[in-house]
């Protein structure tokens, strides 16, 4: 037990007259769950020692021995929740089995993230990985949707309607700039630092917030927190936020682009002046690993059927398993505007926010580690570098991301040994993930679509 952190948390409880302790955790697919406990003397000491029991099968986890599991708060994640009426101290929780050794649960995303970071340090010999997310989302004024045996529809209303590309649109036409200002203040209260925010390309209310770099586990936590904060803040404003990859037809999709670099001895481990994009061989090997395993990665970075309505040519969609400086059609872009050696990095553009962030980031890291171990050179593998738009190139010589979720699962079935390194992704987790996603595919595939009525009803 970290007695110093325990004392810090107890001081927060006393100073802020905390009434509720809240434990948060996501299920396998990424939905957030929580359990609340009224405060009593020494509650945190008891929670750290004993945890809180719950039914793991209800979280979508595959039963190993039994479904009884334990949530234990990570005291380092303590934050006062601004969306609760009663003073509430919130924690992310780790999942443990109920055996006598209280073994960490192998399918818990936070445990995977920790093991992936440990593997990076052990195998590559660096300090840490650093991740900078870009959150793209839409804000709607009203949303209605439902699916029943005899009815299926969605309808959104939006306060904005630009004639063309709305990238960096200014007020008064940027209706939600004040919304983003306030949202950034709320994120700061959660300990999340925002780099900038702006209106995105989508002409019907698309937004972007980009945050500063953090470690893998902290970034995955922050992704969940950011979605939680924006969903709750929108509800307070009688608005609706969605991170769906493709919420509207013929509008730009929502991505979760992830900027990435490593540090060694406190310095950027990718930087080498004069090389392409100022990225050295270590960085190129990471790029090579991510692109070589890109199709299989899609099962975790783009794990919804809706993901692949975004990943189509056009709309700056990153559909090609290539890399290049300033290239937004490639899966990996090296920002052309970066001149600071400390910020040398690349951006993996395919992911979206339907991903479980712990699994998504861990899988990406393991793909990069595999590139280092096997010295996968992206140039020799034919992944680039590419300077022109992919749409203007000879497509016969370019490998592309899967066209749908079924293809992504097929790719995962053929290529998953890199995930098994250090036994980080267990066979049970991969099997359960595939099982859940196949159910989603079948459900979508057998449900009549409203557009099919237009096409076929009167034939």
Protein backbone atom coordinates (compact mmCIF):
# COMPACT_ATOMS: atom_id res chain seq x y z
CA UNK A 1 0.00 0.00 0.00
CA UNK A 2 1.26 3.46 -0.95
CA UNK A 3 0.91 5.14 2.45
CA UNK A 4 1.93 8.56 1.11
CA UNK A 5 -0.71 8.51 -1.62
CA UNK A 6 -3.25 7.19 0.89
CA UNK A 7 -2.53 10.15 3.16
CA UNK A 8 -2.91 12.58 0.24
CA UNK A 9 -6.31 11.12 -0.62
CA UNK A 10 -7.46 11.15 2.99
CA UNK A 11 -6.48 14.82 3.21
CA UNK A 12 -8.58 15.52 0.10
CA UNK A 13 -11.55 13.76 1.71
CA UNK A 14 -11.19 15.82 4.89
CA UNK A 15 -10.48 19.19 3.25
CA UNK A 16 -13.31 18.93 0.69
CA UNK A 17 -15.80 17.20 3.01
CA UNK A 18 -16.12 14.31 0.55
CA UNK A 19 -19.34 12.33 0.99
CA UNK A 20 -18.97 9.72 -1.79
CA UNK A 21 -16.14 7.54 -3.08
CA UNK A 22 -16.69 6.55 -6.71
CA UNK A 23 -14.85 3.71 -8.48
CA UNK A 24 -14.83 3.84 -12.28
CA UNK A 25 -13.91 1.10 -14.72
CA UNK A 26 -14.68 0.31 -18.36
CA UNK A 27 -15.98 -2.98 -19.67
CA UNK A 28 -14.23 -4.89 -22.43
CA UNK A 29 -15.79 -2.89 -25.25
CA UNK A 30 -15.08 0.48 -23.61
CA UNK A 31 -18.33 1.51 -21.88
CA UNK A 32 -17.80 3.23 -18.54
CA UNK A 33 -19.26 1.75 -15.33
CA UNK A 34 -19.06 2.96 -11.74
CA UNK A 35 -20.00 2.08 -8.20
CA UNK A 36 -20.45 4.65 -5.41
CA UNK A 37 -19.75 4.19 -1.70
CA UNK A 38 -20.73 6.64 1.07
CA UNK A 39 -17.67 7.73 3.03
CA UNK A 40 -16.95 6.15 6.43
CA UNK A 41 -13.80 6.26 8.59
CA UNK A 42 -10.77 4.63 6.91
CA UNK A 43 -12.80 3.76 3.80
CA UNK A 44 -9.80 4.02 1.47
CA UNK A 45 -7.66 1.74 3.62
CA UNK A 46 -10.44 -0.85 3.53
CA UNK A 47 -10.95 -0.47 -0.24
CA UNK A 48 -7.24 -0.87 -1.00
CA UNK A 49 -6.99 -3.97 1.21
CA UNK A 50 -10.29 -5.62 0.30
CA UNK A 51 -11.67 -3.93 -2.80
CA UNK A 52 -15.29 -4.11 -3.95
CA UNK A 53 -16.75 -7.30 -5.41
CA UNK A 54 -18.61 -7.27 -8.73
CA UNK A 55 -19.83 -9.57 -11.50
CA UNK A 56 -17.15 -9.54 -14.19
CA UNK A 57 -19.33 -11.36 -16.72
CA UNK A 58 -21.63 -8.31 -16.80
CA UNK A 59 -18.64 -6.32 -18.05
CA UNK A 60 -18.27 -8.61 -21.05
CA UNK A 61 -15.19 -10.40 -19.72
CA UNK A 62 -14.75 -14.07 -20.48
CA UNK A 63 -15.19 -16.24 -17.43
CA UNK A 64 -11.93 -17.87 -16.42
CA UNK A 65 -12.86 -19.71 -13.22
CA UNK A 66 -15.81 -17.71 -12.01
CA UNK A 67 -17.25 -14.28 -12.66
CA UNK A 68 -16.65 -12.87 -9.17
CA UNK A 69 -13.98 -10.18 -9.34
CA UNK A 70 -12.71 -7.27 -7.27
CA UNK A 71 -12.33 -3.56 -8.01
CA UNK A 72 -9.44 -1.85 -6.19
CA UNK A 73 -8.95 1.93 -6.54
CA UNK A 74 -5.76 3.31 -8.05
CA UNK A 75 -5.11 6.07 -5.53
CA UNK A 76 -2.98 8.01 -8.03
CA UNK A 77 -6.08 8.69 -10.14
CA UNK A 78 -7.99 10.57 -7.43
CA UNK A 79 -10.02 13.52 -8.70
CA UNK A 80 -13.06 15.39 -7.42
CA UNK A 81 -15.90 14.75 -9.85
CA UNK A 82 -17.51 18.09 -10.88
CA UNK A 83 -20.61 16.35 -12.25
CA UNK A 84 -21.85 14.92 -8.94
CA UNK A 85 -24.13 16.89 -6.64
CA UNK A 86 -22.64 15.44 -3.45
CA UNK A 87 -18.87 16.00 -3.01
CA UNK A 88 -17.43 12.92 -4.71
CA UNK A 89 -13.85 11.66 -4.95
CA UNK A 90 -13.45 9.52 -8.04
CA UNK A 91 -10.86 6.84 -8.80
CA UNK A 92 -10.13 4.51 -11.67
CA UNK A 93 -10.05 0.94 -10.44
CA UNK A 94 -7.93 -2.08 -11.28
CA UNK A 95 -9.53 -5.52 -11.56
CA UNK A 96 -8.35 -8.53 -9.56
CA UNK A 97 -9.44 -12.14 -9.25
CA UNK A 98 -10.83 -13.49 -5.99
CA UNK A 99 -8.10 -16.11 -5.48
CA UNK A 100 -6.01 -16.05 -2.32
CA UNK A 101 -3.19 -14.23 -4.12
CA UNK A 102 -5.58 -11.62 -5.54
CA UNK A 103 -4.12 -12.06 -9.00
CA UNK A 104 -4.45 -9.16 -11.45
CA UNK A 105 -7.09 -10.03 -14.04
CA UNK A 106 -5.42 -10.67 -17.40
CA UNK A 107 -8.27 -9.09 -19.41
CA UNK A 108 -8.26 -5.81 -17.47
CA UNK A 109 -7.18 -3.06 -19.87
CA UNK A 110 -5.32 -1.10 -17.20
CA UNK A 111 -3.28 -4.20 -16.35
CA UNK A 112 -2.50 -4.68 -20.05
CA UNK A 113 -1.35 -1.08 -20.36
CA UNK A 114 1.04 -1.49 -17.41
CA UNK A 115 2.47 -4.71 -18.83
CA UNK A 116 2.91 -3.15 -22.27
CA UNK A 117 4.87 -0.24 -20.77
CA UNK A 118 7.03 -2.70 -18.82
CA UNK A 119 7.71 -4.67 -21.99
CA UNK A 120 8.77 -1.49 -23.79
CA UNK A 121 11.33 -0.66 -21.12
CA UNK A 122 12.63 -4.24 -20.95
CA UNK A 123 12.88 -4.95 -24.69
CA UNK A 124 13.59 -1.56 -26.25
CA UNK A 125 15.50 -0.06 -23.34
CA UNK A 126 13.77 3.33 -23.21
CA UNK A 127 12.16 5.33 -20.42
CA UNK A 128 8.60 5.62 -21.61
CA UNK A 129 6.18 6.07 -24.49
CA UNK A 130 4.33 9.37 -24.89
CA UNK A 131 0.93 9.82 -26.50
CA UNK A 132 -0.95 12.91 -27.64
CA UNK A 133 -4.61 12.34 -28.63
CA UNK A 134 -6.74 14.44 -30.97
CA UNK A 135 -10.43 14.15 -30.04
CA UNK A 136 -12.84 14.70 -32.91
CA UNK A 137 -16.56 14.81 -32.13
CA UNK A 138 -19.86 16.32 -33.25
CA UNK A 139 -22.19 18.51 -31.21
CA UNK A 140 -25.89 18.24 -32.05
CA UNK A 141 -28.81 20.22 -30.66
CA UNK A 142 -31.20 17.25 -30.78
CA UNK A 143 -30.86 13.53 -31.48
CA UNK A 144 -33.48 10.81 -31.87
CA UNK A 145 -32.80 7.18 -32.79
CA UNK A 146 -34.35 3.78 -32.29
CA UNK A 147 -34.37 0.29 -33.75
CA UNK A 148 -37.30 -2.09 -33.33
CA UNK A 149 -38.83 -4.98 -35.20
CA UNK A 150 -40.93 -2.63 -37.34
CA UNK A 151 -38.94 0.60 -37.08
CA UNK A 152 -35.37 1.77 -37.53
CA UNK A 153 -34.28 5.39 -37.79
CA UNK A 154 -31.99 8.16 -36.62
CA UNK A 155 -32.47 11.91 -36.80
CA UNK A 156 -30.11 14.69 -35.75
CA UNK A 157 -30.57 18.43 -35.60
CA UNK A 158 -27.57 20.77 -35.78
CA UNK A 159 -27.21 24.48 -35.13
CA UNK A 160 -24.47 24.79 -37.77
CA UNK A 161 -24.67 24.25 -41.50
CA UNK A 162 -21.66 25.45 -43.47
CA UNK A 163 -21.69 25.47 -47.25
CA UNK A 164 -18.23 23.94 -47.50
CA UNK A 165 -15.23 22.83 -45.43
CA UNK A 166 -15.61 24.26 -41.92
CA UNK A 167 -12.00 23.70 -40.77
CA UNK A 168 -11.01 26.44 -38.29
CA UNK A 169 -14.25 28.31 -38.94
CA UNK A 170 -14.52 31.50 -36.89
CA UNK A 171 -17.33 32.84 -34.72
CA UNK A 172 -20.11 33.81 -34.98
CA UNK A 173 -20.37 30.91 -37.43
CA UNK A 174 -18.42 28.64 -35.07
CA UNK A 175 -21.37 28.23 -32.72
CA UNK A 176 -19.62 26.04 -30.15
CA UNK A 177 -16.36 27.93 -29.47
CA UNK A 178 -17.64 28.90 -26.00
CA UNK A 179 -18.70 25.30 -25.40
CA UNK A 180 -15.14 24.17 -26.15
CA UNK A 181 -13.68 26.93 -23.92
CA UNK A 182 -15.77 25.75 -20.98
CA UNK A 183 -15.08 22.09 -21.74
CA UNK A 184 -11.33 22.77 -21.60
CA UNK A 185 -11.72 24.38 -18.18
CA UNK A 186 -13.54 21.26 -16.99
CA UNK A 187 -10.82 18.99 -18.42
CA UNK A 188 -8.26 21.04 -16.49
CA UNK A 189 -10.14 20.23 -13.28
CA UNK A 190 -9.65 16.56 -14.17
CA UNK A 191 -5.91 17.16 -14.59
CA UNK A 192 -5.99 17.06 -18.41
CA UNK A 193 -4.06 19.83 -20.17
CA UNK A 194 -5.44 21.02 -23.51
CA UNK A 195 -3.05 22.07 -26.28
CA UNK A 196 -5.73 23.76 -28.39
CA UNK A 197 -9.26 23.39 -29.72
CA UNK A 198 -11.00 24.44 -32.93
CA UNK A 199 -13.83 23.75 -35.34
CA UNK A 200 -13.11 20.69 -37.48
CA UNK A 201 -13.85 20.02 -41.14
CA UNK A 202 -17.38 18.67 -40.69
CA UNK A 203 -19.99 21.21 -41.76
CA UNK A 204 -22.65 20.20 -39.24
CA UNK A 205 -20.97 20.86 -35.89
CA UNK A 206 -17.70 18.89 -35.85
CA UNK A 207 -15.19 19.89 -33.16
CA UNK A 208 -11.65 18.99 -32.16
CA UNK A 209 -9.78 19.17 -28.86
CA UNK A 210 -6.11 18.18 -28.74
CA UNK A 211 -4.36 17.45 -25.45
CA UNK A 212 -0.71 17.34 -24.40
CA UNK A 213 1.42 14.20 -24.22
CA UNK A 214 1.24 11.72 -21.38
CA UNK A 215 2.27 8.14 -20.68
CA UNK A 216 0.32 5.17 -22.05
CA UNK A 217 -1.75 4.35 -18.96
CA UNK A 218 -2.42 8.01 -18.15
CA UNK A 219 -3.42 8.71 -21.76
CA UNK A 220 -5.84 5.78 -21.85
CA UNK A 221 -7.35 7.00 -18.56
CA UNK A 222 -7.56 10.51 -20.00
CA UNK A 223 -9.41 9.30 -23.11
CA UNK A 224 -12.11 7.79 -20.91
CA UNK A 225 -12.18 10.90 -18.72
CA UNK A 226 -12.44 13.27 -21.69
CA UNK A 227 -15.41 11.40 -23.11
CA UNK A 228 -17.02 11.31 -19.65
CA UNK A 229 -16.52 15.06 -19.20
CA UNK A 230 -17.85 16.00 -22.65
CA UNK A 231 -20.89 13.71 -22.41
CA UNK A 232 -21.81 15.14 -19.01
CA UNK A 233 -21.13 18.77 -19.95
CA UNK A 234 -23.23 18.43 -23.11
CA UNK A 235 -26.08 16.99 -21.04
CA UNK A 236 -25.89 20.04 -18.76
CA UNK A 237 -26.15 22.29 -21.83
CA UNK A 238 -29.04 20.28 -23.29
CA UNK A 239 -26.77 19.28 -26.18
CA UNK A 240 -25.60 15.94 -27.54
CA UNK A 241 -22.00 14.91 -28.19
CA UNK A 242 -20.97 11.88 -30.24
CA UNK A 243 -17.58 10.37 -31.02
CA UNK A 244 -19.10 7.96 -33.55
CA UNK A 245 -16.64 7.53 -36.44
CA UNK A 246 -19.32 8.33 -39.05
CA UNK A 247 -22.49 9.81 -37.53
CA UNK A 248 -23.70 11.46 -40.76
CA UNK A 249 -23.71 10.57 -44.43
CA UNK A 250 -21.32 12.58 -46.64
CA UNK A 251 -19.81 14.40 -43.68
CA UNK A 252 -16.29 14.14 -42.28
CA UNK A 253 -15.76 11.28 -39.83
CA UNK A 254 -14.47 11.43 -36.25
CA UNK A 255 -11.01 10.04 -35.59
CA UNK A 256 -8.88 9.65 -32.50
CA UNK A 257 -5.48 10.45 -34.00
CA UNK A 258 -2.61 9.51 -31.71
CA UNK A 259 0.74 11.33 -31.79
CA UNK A 260 3.55 9.16 -30.47
CA UNK A 261 7.22 9.21 -29.47
CA UNK A 262 9.61 7.56 -27.00
CA UNK A 263 12.09 9.00 -24.51
CA UNK A 264 15.43 7.67 -23.31
CA UNK A 265 17.37 9.34 -20.52
CA UNK A 266 14.72 12.05 -20.63
CA UNK A 267 15.33 12.92 -24.31
CA UNK A 268 13.35 12.19 -27.46
CA UNK A 269 14.48 8.74 -28.63
CA UNK A 270 13.23 9.21 -32.22
CA UNK A 271 15.11 12.38 -33.16
CA UNK A 272 17.95 12.38 -35.68
CA UNK A 273 18.55 15.59 -37.57
CA UNK A 274 18.74 15.24 -41.33
CA UNK A 275 16.91 11.94 -41.57
CA UNK A 276 13.51 11.79 -43.26
CA UNK A 277 11.18 13.66 -40.93
CA UNK A 278 14.15 13.87 -38.50
CA UNK A 279 13.20 10.36 -37.36
CA UNK A 280 15.96 7.83 -36.69
CA UNK A 281 16.04 4.08 -37.27
CA UNK A 282 14.35 3.31 -33.93
CA UNK A 283 11.41 5.48 -34.97
CA UNK A 284 11.35 3.93 -38.44
CA UNK A 285 11.29 0.44 -36.95
CA UNK A 286 8.31 1.47 -34.81
CA UNK A 287 6.62 2.82 -37.92
CA UNK A 288 7.43 -0.41 -39.76
CA UNK A 289 5.92 -2.54 -37.00
CA UNK A 290 2.71 -0.54 -36.80
CA UNK A 291 2.22 -0.57 -40.56
CA UNK A 292 3.09 -4.24 -41.01
CA UNK A 293 0.55 -5.17 -38.34
CA UNK A 294 -1.85 -2.36 -39.29
CA UNK A 295 -4.58 -4.65 -40.63
CA UNK A 296 -4.63 -6.71 -37.42
CA UNK A 297 -4.37 -3.57 -35.29
CA UNK A 298 -7.63 -2.39 -36.86
CA UNK A 299 -9.53 -4.96 -34.80
CA UNK A 300 -8.59 -2.87 -31.74
CA UNK A 301 -8.05 0.64 -33.16
CA UNK A 302 -11.26 0.59 -35.24
CA UNK A 303 -13.47 -2.00 -33.53
CA UNK A 304 -16.96 -0.98 -34.70
CA UNK A 305 -18.90 -1.57 -37.89
CA UNK A 306 -19.32 2.21 -38.07
CA UNK A 307 -15.52 2.65 -38.06
CA UNK A 308 -15.28 1.53 -41.67
CA UNK A 309 -17.84 4.04 -42.90
CA UNK A 310 -15.19 6.61 -41.97
CA UNK A 311 -12.23 4.70 -43.42
CA UNK A 312 -13.05 5.24 -47.08
CA UNK A 313 -11.10 7.24 -49.68
CA UNK A 314 -11.72 10.97 -49.45
CA UNK A 315 -12.55 13.09 -46.38
CA UNK A 316 -8.81 12.91 -45.52
CA UNK A 317 -9.42 9.33 -44.36
CA UNK A 318 -6.21 7.44 -43.47
CA UNK A 319 -6.91 4.32 -45.51
CA UNK A 320 -3.42 3.45 -46.78
CA UNK A 321 -0.78 1.50 -44.87
CA UNK A 322 1.87 4.05 -45.76
CA UNK A 323 3.71 6.89 -44.06
CA UNK A 324 4.87 10.30 -45.11
CA UNK A 325 5.61 13.84 -44.00
CA UNK A 326 2.46 15.93 -43.86
CA UNK A 327 0.42 13.19 -45.55
CA UNK A 328 -3.12 12.87 -44.21
CA UNK A 329 -4.19 9.99 -46.47
CA UNK A 330 -1.54 7.72 -44.95
CA UNK A 331 -2.05 5.73 -41.77
CA UNK A 332 1.07 7.38 -40.37
CA UNK A 333 1.81 11.06 -40.80
CA UNK A 334 5.02 12.77 -39.71
CA UNK A 335 4.01 16.35 -38.88
CA UNK A 336 5.86 18.64 -41.25
CA UNK A 337 5.57 21.67 -38.96
CA UNK A 338 7.58 20.20 -36.03
CA UNK A 339 11.02 21.82 -35.63
CA UNK A 340 11.63 21.15 -31.94
CA UNK A 341 13.77 17.98 -31.47
CA UNK A 342 11.92 17.23 -28.22
CA UNK A 343 8.63 17.03 -30.14
CA UNK A 344 9.80 14.80 -33.00
CA UNK A 345 7.08 12.23 -33.47
CA UNK A 346 4.67 10.52 -35.80
CA UNK A 347 0.90 10.37 -35.78
CA UNK A 348 -1.13 7.15 -36.19
CA UNK A 349 -4.34 8.35 -37.81
CA UNK A 350 -6.70 5.34 -38.18
CA UNK A 351 -7.98 4.95 -34.57
CA UNK A 352 -11.38 6.20 -33.47
CA UNK A 353 -13.02 6.62 -30.09
CA UNK A 354 -15.12 3.44 -30.29
CA UNK A 355 -11.88 1.71 -29.25
CA UNK A 356 -11.14 0.47 -25.77
CA UNK A 357 -8.19 2.87 -25.29
CA UNK A 358 -6.18 0.51 -23.07
CA UNK A 359 -6.33 -2.26 -25.67
CA UNK A 360 -5.86 0.15 -28.57
CA UNK A 361 -2.72 1.85 -27.24
CA UNK A 362 -1.23 -1.38 -25.89
CA UNK A 363 -1.72 -3.14 -29.24
CA UNK A 364 -0.09 -0.22 -31.09
CA UNK A 365 2.87 -0.27 -28.71
CA UNK A 366 3.33 -4.03 -29.13
CA UNK A 367 3.25 -3.65 -32.91
CA UNK A 368 5.99 -1.03 -32.66
CA UNK A 369 8.03 -3.21 -30.31
CA UNK A 370 7.75 -6.04 -32.83
CA UNK A 371 9.09 -3.66 -35.47
CA UNK A 372 12.13 -2.96 -33.29
CA UNK A 373 12.77 -6.62 -32.42
CA UNK A 374 12.51 -7.74 -36.06
CA UNK A 375 14.08 -4.57 -37.51
CA UNK A 376 11.11 -3.93 -39.81
CA UNK A 377 12.23 -1.17 -42.19
CA UNK A 378 9.14 0.57 -43.60
CA UNK A 379 11.06 1.63 -46.73
CA UNK A 380 12.16 -1.91 -47.57
CA UNK A 381 8.66 -3.19 -46.78
CA UNK A 382 7.18 -0.78 -49.32
CA UNK A 383 5.28 1.42 -46.86
CA UNK A 384 6.82 4.69 -48.05
CA UNK A 385 7.79 7.36 -47.40
CA UNK A 386 5.09 8.99 -49.49
CA UNK A 387 4.94 12.69 -50.18
CA UNK A 388 1.89 12.95 -52.42
CA UNK A 389 -1.73 12.24 -51.66
CA UNK A 390 -2.39 8.50 -51.74
CA UNK A 391 -5.44 9.02 -53.95
CA UNK A 392 -3.14 10.32 -56.70
CA UNK A 393 -0.76 7.34 -56.61
CA UNK A 394 -0.64 3.89 -58.14
CA UNK A 395 -3.02 2.03 -55.84
CA UNK A 396 -1.82 -1.37 -57.11
CA UNK A 397 1.36 -1.01 -55.08
CA UNK A 398 -0.22 0.22 -51.85
CA UNK A 399 -1.59 -1.93 -49.04
CA UNK A 400 -4.78 -0.68 -47.45
CA UNK A 401 -6.57 -1.04 -44.14
CA UNK A 402 -9.43 -3.56 -43.92
CA UNK A 403 -12.64 -2.46 -45.61
CA UNK A 404 -14.89 -3.63 -42.77
CA UNK A 405 -14.80 -5.07 -39.27
CA UNK A 406 -15.04 -8.67 -40.52
CA UNK A 407 -11.85 -8.20 -42.54
CA UNK A 408 -10.15 -6.70 -39.50
CA UNK A 409 -11.07 -9.74 -37.39
CA UNK A 410 -9.78 -12.03 -40.15
CA UNK A 411 -6.51 -10.10 -40.14
CA UNK A 412 -6.30 -10.46 -36.36
CA UNK A 413 -6.82 -14.22 -36.65
CA UNK A 414 -3.87 -14.45 -39.05
CA UNK A 415 -1.60 -11.98 -37.26
CA UNK A 416 -1.74 -11.81 -33.47
CA UNK A 417 1.53 -13.29 -32.23
CA UNK A 418 2.97 -9.80 -31.76
CA UNK A 419 0.18 -9.21 -29.21
CA UNK A 420 1.14 -12.35 -27.30
CA UNK A 421 4.63 -11.03 -26.51
CA UNK A 422 5.23 -11.21 -22.76
CA UNK A 423 1.76 -12.83 -22.61
CA UNK A 424 0.20 -9.36 -22.59
CA UNK A 425 -2.84 -10.15 -24.76
CA UNK A 426 -4.08 -13.55 -23.57
CA UNK A 427 -5.80 -16.03 -25.86
CA UNK A 428 -8.91 -15.67 -23.67
CA UNK A 429 -9.02 -11.92 -24.24
CA UNK A 430 -8.54 -12.16 -28.00
CA UNK A 431 -11.13 -14.94 -28.28
CA UNK A 432 -13.67 -12.98 -26.24
CA UNK A 433 -13.02 -9.81 -28.23
CA UNK A 434 -13.60 -11.61 -31.52
CA UNK A 435 -16.75 -13.26 -30.16
CA UNK A 436 -18.25 -9.92 -29.08
CA UNK A 437 -17.40 -8.23 -32.36
CA UNK A 438 -18.80 -11.07 -34.45
CA UNK A 439 -22.13 -10.66 -32.65
CA UNK A 440 -22.09 -6.95 -33.58
CA UNK A 441 -21.34 -7.76 -37.22
CA UNK A 442 -24.16 -10.30 -37.38
CA UNK A 443 -26.61 -7.90 -35.75
CA UNK A 444 -25.85 -5.14 -38.23
CA UNK A 445 -25.75 -7.52 -41.18
CA UNK A 446 -29.21 -8.95 -40.54
CA UNK A 447 -30.96 -5.67 -39.68
CA UNK A 448 -32.85 -3.98 -42.55
CA UNK A 449 -31.39 -0.54 -43.21
CA UNK A 450 -33.63 2.51 -43.81
CA UNK A 451 -31.82 3.19 -47.08
CA UNK A 452 -32.77 -0.29 -48.27
CA UNK A 453 -36.40 0.83 -48.17
CA UNK A 454 -35.55 3.60 -50.63
CA UNK A 455 -33.72 1.17 -52.88
CA UNK A 456 -35.96 -1.87 -52.79
CA UNK A 457 -39.37 -1.30 -51.20
CA UNK A 458 -41.18 -0.63 -54.47
CA UNK A 459 -39.26 -3.05 -56.66
